[in-house]
Amino acid sequence: MSDNKVKIKVWDVSTRFFHWSMIVLLAALWWTAEEGQMEWHQMCAYTLGAILVFRWLWGFIGSETSKFSSFLKSPKRVIEYAKQQKQQSQFKPHIGHNPLGGYMVILLMLLVSAQFVTGLFASDDIFTEGPLYASVSSGLSEALTWIHRNLFYLVLGLAVFHVSAVILHTIKGDKLVPAMVTGNKEVSVESSEPLKFQSAIASFLLWLIVFAIAGYYFIWPIWQSM
């Protein structure tokens, strides 16, 4: 660690768990769909839906760096930030999500949420139907099924863009991946004021409620039918 830098905690364990769980679940959802393992596909989907619910709620009541208000900046601020980064050979480590990264987080969450919701109305025209399939017309279900199948490619494209940005930041000195693994990051001394983190008890209770609801209504019934 250099003399003018100090290591501080920037990410709580819940935010890190959400981040890596979403990556694993998206990969599992793609594989189960490709292999026709629709029971497992649905279980992974409902688990993803549960962690998405948690993250949306955590964006309002969670730790300082996890709140949407901490990283959603005005378009003017985002443009200024992009111009500054373009002119620099090294990126200054940013506490939490930088202005551009904040918009990427929201966009990915919106798209993955839309992917989940459309799947509730989708059908593979063989054996598997979403739990809300019967509540809409066949024409609307067909349209939502098409969106569900093809929206994934947009999610994949944004994920590739996100990974490319992470690699660029790493090359230019802002090591994002280690921070999302350990929760800690090296920042300049003048930026090292302590951050506010939500209590572990509040995080645990929210996770417990979300997964209990998802498990009772969706995951457990599918598991019993397998």
Protein backbone atom coordinates (compact mmCIF):
# COMPACT_ATOMS: atom_id res chain seq x y z
CA MET A 1 0.00 0.00 0.00
CA SER A 2 1.42 3.39 -0.97
CA ASP A 3 2.01 6.10 1.62
CA ASN A 4 -0.80 8.34 0.37
CA LYS A 5 -3.40 5.58 0.24
CA VAL A 6 -5.38 3.71 2.86
CA LYS A 7 -7.55 0.61 2.67
CA ILE A 8 -11.19 1.06 3.70
CA LYS A 9 -14.37 -1.00 3.52
CA VAL A 10 -16.55 0.06 0.57
CA TRP A 11 -18.94 -2.89 -0.03
CA ASP A 12 -21.05 -4.80 2.48
CA VAL A 13 -21.36 -8.57 2.26
CA SER A 14 -24.95 -8.45 0.97
CA THR A 15 -24.04 -6.33 -2.04
CA ARG A 16 -21.13 -8.61 -2.82
CA PHE A 17 -23.31 -11.70 -2.44
CA PHE A 18 -25.88 -10.23 -4.83
CA HIS A 19 -23.22 -9.38 -7.41
CA TRP A 20 -21.61 -12.82 -7.59
CA SER A 21 -24.89 -14.71 -7.17
CA MET A 22 -26.41 -12.92 -10.14
CA ILE A 23 -23.46 -13.90 -12.32
CA VAL A 24 -23.74 -17.56 -11.29
CA LEU A 25 -27.53 -17.64 -11.67
CA LEU A 26 -27.51 -16.00 -15.11
CA ALA A 27 -25.01 -18.62 -16.29
CA ALA A 28 -27.14 -21.39 -14.76
CA LEU A 29 -30.30 -19.99 -16.37
CA TRP A 30 -28.66 -19.95 -19.79
CA TRP A 31 -27.36 -23.52 -19.41
CA THR A 32 -30.63 -24.98 -18.09
CA ALA A 33 -32.58 -23.33 -20.93
CA GLU A 34 -30.14 -24.66 -23.55
CA GLU A 35 -30.30 -28.18 -22.08
CA GLY A 36 -34.07 -28.18 -21.60
CA GLN A 37 -33.79 -28.54 -17.81
CA MET A 38 -36.84 -26.38 -17.23
CA GLU A 39 -37.55 -27.41 -13.63
CA TRP A 40 -34.06 -26.30 -12.65
CA HIS A 41 -34.43 -23.28 -14.91
CA GLN A 42 -37.50 -22.18 -12.98
CA MET A 43 -35.86 -22.76 -9.60
CA CYS A 44 -32.85 -20.67 -10.66
CA ALA A 45 -35.21 -18.00 -12.01
CA TYR A 46 -37.15 -17.69 -8.76
CA THR A 47 -33.89 -17.56 -6.81
CA LEU A 48 -32.72 -14.77 -9.12
CA GLY A 49 -36.06 -13.02 -8.60
CA ALA A 50 -35.54 -13.21 -4.83
CA ILE A 51 -32.09 -11.64 -4.90
CA LEU A 52 -33.35 -8.95 -7.30
CA VAL A 53 -36.12 -8.04 -4.86
CA PHE A 54 -33.53 -7.82 -2.12
CA ARG A 55 -31.23 -5.59 -4.19
CA TRP A 56 -34.04 -3.21 -5.17
CA LEU A 57 -34.98 -2.85 -1.51
CA TRP A 58 -31.33 -2.61 -0.45
CA GLY A 59 -30.90 0.26 -2.88
CA PHE A 60 -33.18 2.33 -0.63
CA ILE A 61 -32.45 1.07 2.89
CA GLY A 62 -29.00 -0.53 2.60
CA SER A 63 -25.46 0.62 3.26
CA GLU A 64 -24.20 3.97 1.99
CA THR A 65 -22.40 2.70 -1.13
CA SER A 66 -25.29 0.35 -1.98
CA LYS A 67 -27.97 3.05 -2.02
CA PHE A 68 -29.08 4.31 -5.42
CA SER A 69 -28.86 7.86 -4.11
CA SER A 70 -25.11 7.45 -3.60
CA PHE A 71 -24.24 6.55 -7.19
CA LEU A 72 -27.01 7.83 -9.46
CA LYS A 73 -25.69 11.20 -10.59
CA SER A 74 -27.09 13.77 -13.03
CA PRO A 75 -26.37 13.28 -16.77
CA LYS A 76 -24.17 16.39 -16.63
CA ARG A 77 -22.05 14.82 -13.87
CA VAL A 78 -21.75 11.58 -15.84
CA ILE A 79 -20.56 13.43 -18.97
CA GLU A 80 -18.03 15.41 -16.93
CA TYR A 81 -16.76 12.21 -15.35
CA ALA A 82 -16.40 10.49 -18.75
CA LYS A 83 -14.41 13.45 -20.11
CA GLN A 84 -12.12 13.45 -17.09
CA GLN A 85 -11.41 9.73 -17.41
CA LYS A 86 -10.69 10.05 -21.12
CA GLN A 87 -7.93 12.56 -20.40
CA GLN A 88 -6.27 10.49 -17.67
CA SER A 89 -3.71 7.73 -18.14
CA GLN A 90 -4.53 6.35 -14.69
CA PHE A 91 -8.01 6.13 -13.13
CA LYS A 92 -8.37 7.45 -9.61
CA PRO A 93 -9.97 4.73 -7.40
CA HIS A 94 -13.60 5.67 -6.83
CA ILE A 95 -15.44 4.86 -3.61
CA GLY A 96 -18.47 2.78 -4.56
CA HIS A 97 -19.82 2.92 -8.11
CA ASN A 98 -18.51 5.70 -10.31
CA PRO A 99 -21.12 7.85 -12.17
CA LEU A 100 -20.94 5.74 -15.35
CA GLY A 101 -20.92 2.45 -13.45
CA GLY A 102 -23.96 3.52 -11.45
CA TYR A 103 -26.07 3.82 -14.59
CA MET A 104 -24.78 0.46 -15.81
CA VAL A 105 -25.88 -1.15 -12.52
CA ILE A 106 -29.41 0.24 -12.84
CA LEU A 107 -29.68 -0.68 -16.52
CA LEU A 108 -28.59 -4.26 -15.88
CA MET A 109 -30.95 -4.58 -12.92
CA LEU A 110 -33.86 -3.26 -15.00
CA LEU A 111 -33.13 -5.62 -17.90
CA VAL A 112 -32.66 -8.69 -15.68
CA SER A 113 -35.86 -7.78 -13.81
CA ALA A 114 -37.70 -7.52 -17.15
CA GLN A 115 -36.22 -10.89 -18.12
CA PHE A 116 -37.59 -12.39 -14.91
CA VAL A 117 -41.06 -10.80 -15.22
CA THR A 118 -41.55 -11.84 -18.85
CA GLY A 119 -40.59 -15.39 -17.87
CA LEU A 120 -43.57 -15.51 -15.52
CA PHE A 121 -45.86 -15.36 -18.55
CA ALA A 122 -43.74 -17.44 -20.95
CA SER A 123 -44.28 -20.93 -22.35
CA ASP A 124 -42.00 -23.35 -24.19
CA ASP A 125 -45.08 -24.79 -26.01
CA ILE A 126 -44.22 -28.26 -24.72
CA PHE A 127 -44.25 -28.91 -20.98
CA THR A 128 -43.34 -25.76 -19.11
CA GLU A 129 -45.34 -22.60 -18.51
CA GLY A 130 -44.71 -19.63 -16.27
CA PRO A 131 -46.96 -19.33 -13.19
CA LEU A 132 -48.85 -16.38 -14.74
CA TYR A 133 -49.18 -17.87 -18.22
CA ALA A 134 -52.92 -18.51 -17.87
CA SER A 135 -53.64 -14.95 -16.76
CA VAL A 136 -52.94 -13.46 -20.21
CA SER A 137 -54.06 -14.21 -23.75
CA SER A 138 -52.09 -16.66 -25.88
CA GLY A 139 -51.04 -13.81 -28.16
CA LEU A 140 -49.64 -11.74 -25.29
CA SER A 141 -47.93 -14.79 -23.82
CA GLU A 142 -46.33 -15.50 -27.18
CA ALA A 143 -45.05 -11.91 -27.38
CA LEU A 144 -43.70 -12.02 -23.82
CA THR A 145 -42.06 -15.39 -24.53
CA TRP A 146 -40.30 -13.88 -27.54
CA ILE A 147 -39.09 -10.96 -25.42
CA HIS A 148 -37.96 -13.35 -22.69
CA ARG A 149 -35.90 -15.42 -25.13
CA ASN A 150 -34.29 -12.51 -26.95
CA LEU A 151 -33.80 -10.02 -24.13
CA PHE A 152 -31.08 -12.29 -22.80
CA TYR A 153 -28.84 -11.34 -25.73
CA LEU A 154 -29.08 -7.67 -24.74
CA VAL A 155 -28.27 -8.62 -21.14
CA LEU A 156 -25.29 -10.63 -22.43
CA GLY A 157 -24.09 -7.71 -24.55
CA LEU A 158 -24.24 -5.32 -21.61
CA ALA A 159 -22.47 -7.87 -19.42
CA VAL A 160 -19.62 -8.08 -21.97
CA PHE A 161 -19.44 -4.28 -22.04
CA HIS A 162 -19.39 -4.20 -18.23
CA VAL A 163 -16.57 -6.76 -18.05
CA SER A 164 -14.60 -4.79 -20.66
CA ALA A 165 -14.99 -1.63 -18.56
CA VAL A 166 -13.83 -3.49 -15.45
CA ILE A 167 -10.73 -4.73 -17.31
CA LEU A 168 -9.98 -1.19 -18.54
CA HIS A 169 -10.31 0.20 -15.02
CA THR A 170 -8.03 -2.53 -13.69
CA ILE A 171 -5.38 -1.78 -16.30
CA LYS A 172 -5.56 1.91 -15.42
CA GLY A 173 -5.17 1.37 -11.70
CA ASP A 174 -8.73 1.17 -10.32
CA LYS A 175 -8.94 -2.44 -9.11
CA LEU A 176 -12.67 -3.14 -9.01
CA VAL A 177 -12.73 -6.95 -8.79
CA PRO A 178 -10.71 -7.38 -5.55
CA ALA A 179 -12.94 -4.78 -3.90
CA MET A 180 -16.08 -6.71 -4.87
CA VAL A 181 -14.50 -9.90 -3.45
CA THR A 182 -13.11 -8.61 -0.15
CA GLY A 183 -15.25 -5.48 0.29
CA ASN A 184 -12.12 -3.36 0.80
CA LYS A 185 -10.43 -0.86 -1.49
CA GLU A 186 -7.35 1.35 -1.50
CA VAL A 187 -8.27 5.01 -1.76
CA SER A 188 -6.47 8.30 -1.26
CA VAL A 189 -6.11 9.48 2.32
CA GLU A 190 -8.27 12.56 1.70
CA SER A 191 -11.14 10.31 0.52
CA SER A 192 -10.98 7.86 3.40
CA GLU A 193 -13.78 9.13 5.62
CA PRO A 194 -15.70 6.23 7.24
CA LEU A 195 -18.79 5.09 5.33
CA LYS A 196 -22.15 4.20 6.85
CA PHE A 197 -23.04 0.50 6.70
CA GLN A 198 -26.39 -1.07 7.48
CA SER A 199 -26.33 -3.55 10.35
CA ALA A 200 -25.78 -7.23 9.60
CA ILE A 201 -29.02 -8.06 11.46
CA ALA A 202 -31.11 -5.87 9.12
CA SER A 203 -29.44 -7.45 6.11
CA PHE A 204 -29.99 -10.99 7.44
CA LEU A 205 -33.66 -10.38 8.24
CA LEU A 206 -34.35 -8.94 4.80
CA TRP A 207 -32.63 -11.86 3.09
CA LEU A 208 -34.60 -14.28 5.30
CA ILE A 209 -37.96 -12.69 4.42
CA VAL A 210 -37.26 -12.53 0.69
CA PHE A 211 -36.02 -16.12 0.40
CA ALA A 212 -38.75 -17.46 2.68
CA ILE A 213 -41.42 -15.99 0.41
CA ALA A 214 -39.69 -17.19 -2.76
CA GLY A 215 -39.11 -20.65 -1.30
CA TYR A 216 -42.66 -21.10 -0.03
CA TYR A 217 -44.49 -19.96 -3.15
CA PHE A 218 -42.15 -21.00 -5.93
CA ILE A 219 -39.02 -23.02 -5.21
CA TRP A 220 -40.47 -25.61 -2.81
CA PRO A 221 -43.49 -26.53 -5.02
CA ILE A 222 -41.19 -27.06 -8.00
CA TRP A 223 -38.78 -29.12 -5.90
CA GLN A 224 -41.65 -31.38 -4.74
CA SER A 225 -42.79 -31.96 -8.32
CA MET A 226 -39.35 -33.08 -9.51
